[in-house]
Amino acid sequence: MKTWGPSIFGAAVVTAALLVFSIVTNVVVEVVGDPYDGSEEKSNHEGAQEGVGVIYVD
């Protein structure tokens, strides 16, 4: 338990944090406007490549 427990928990926390960060970032970009042209698409693309669930807010 001590070997796989923390790693699974840590992975869940990291995944949840990345999802929350992705949602917040997209909402802020949507509300405030994209200050860096093309940066949102680039970061979404990189996140998708890393296997992180990317949520698009339209």
Protein backbone atom coordinates (compact mmCIF):
# COMPACT_ATOMS: atom_id res chain seq x y z
CA MET A 1 0.00 0.00 0.00
CA LYS A 2 2.76 2.41 0.85
CA THR A 3 4.26 1.92 -2.61
CA TRP A 4 1.32 2.41 -4.95
CA GLY A 5 -1.09 4.34 -2.71
CA PRO A 6 0.70 7.71 -2.70
CA SER A 7 1.54 7.55 -6.42
CA ILE A 8 -2.08 6.94 -7.43
CA PHE A 9 -3.26 9.66 -5.07
CA GLY A 10 -0.57 12.01 -6.36
CA ALA A 11 -1.49 11.29 -9.96
CA ALA A 12 -5.17 11.98 -9.20
CA VAL A 13 -4.29 15.27 -7.50
CA VAL A 14 -2.04 16.33 -10.39
CA THR A 15 -4.69 15.40 -12.96
CA ALA A 16 -7.40 17.28 -11.06
CA ALA A 17 -5.13 20.31 -10.65
CA LEU A 18 -4.33 20.34 -14.37
CA LEU A 19 -8.02 20.06 -15.25
CA VAL A 20 -8.95 22.90 -12.89
CA PHE A 21 -6.06 25.01 -14.19
CA SER A 22 -7.14 24.33 -17.78
CA ILE A 23 -10.75 25.30 -17.06
CA VAL A 24 -9.79 28.46 -15.15
CA THR A 25 -7.28 29.49 -17.83
CA ASN A 26 -9.80 29.02 -20.63
CA VAL A 27 -12.53 30.88 -18.74
CA VAL A 28 -10.19 33.78 -17.97
CA VAL A 29 -9.01 33.92 -21.59
CA GLU A 30 -12.62 33.83 -22.76
CA VAL A 31 -13.71 36.61 -20.41
CA VAL A 32 -10.65 38.87 -20.54
CA GLY A 33 -9.64 38.16 -24.12
CA ASP A 34 -6.53 36.37 -25.32
CA PRO A 35 -3.59 38.69 -24.62
CA TYR A 36 -1.12 36.46 -26.47
CA ASP A 37 -2.26 35.69 -29.97
CA GLY A 38 -2.29 31.95 -30.64
CA SER A 39 -1.01 30.97 -27.20
CA GLU A 40 -4.29 29.36 -26.15
CA GLU A 41 -4.35 26.99 -29.13
CA LYS A 42 -0.69 26.12 -28.55
CA SER A 43 -1.16 25.29 -24.86
CA ASN A 44 -4.32 23.28 -25.58
CA HIS A 45 -2.45 21.33 -28.24
CA GLU A 46 0.46 20.60 -25.89
CA GLY A 47 -1.92 19.54 -23.12
CA ALA A 48 -3.70 17.14 -25.48
CA GLN A 49 -0.35 15.65 -26.52
CA GLU A 50 0.54 15.01 -22.88
CA GLY A 51 -2.73 13.13 -22.36
CA VAL A 52 -4.24 15.83 -20.15
CA GLY A 53 -7.98 16.35 -20.57
CA VAL A 54 -8.40 19.75 -22.19
CA ILE A 55 -11.75 21.45 -21.83
CA TYR A 56 -12.63 24.06 -24.43
CA VAL A 57 -14.86 26.89 -23.26
CA ASP A 58 -16.68 28.61 -26.08
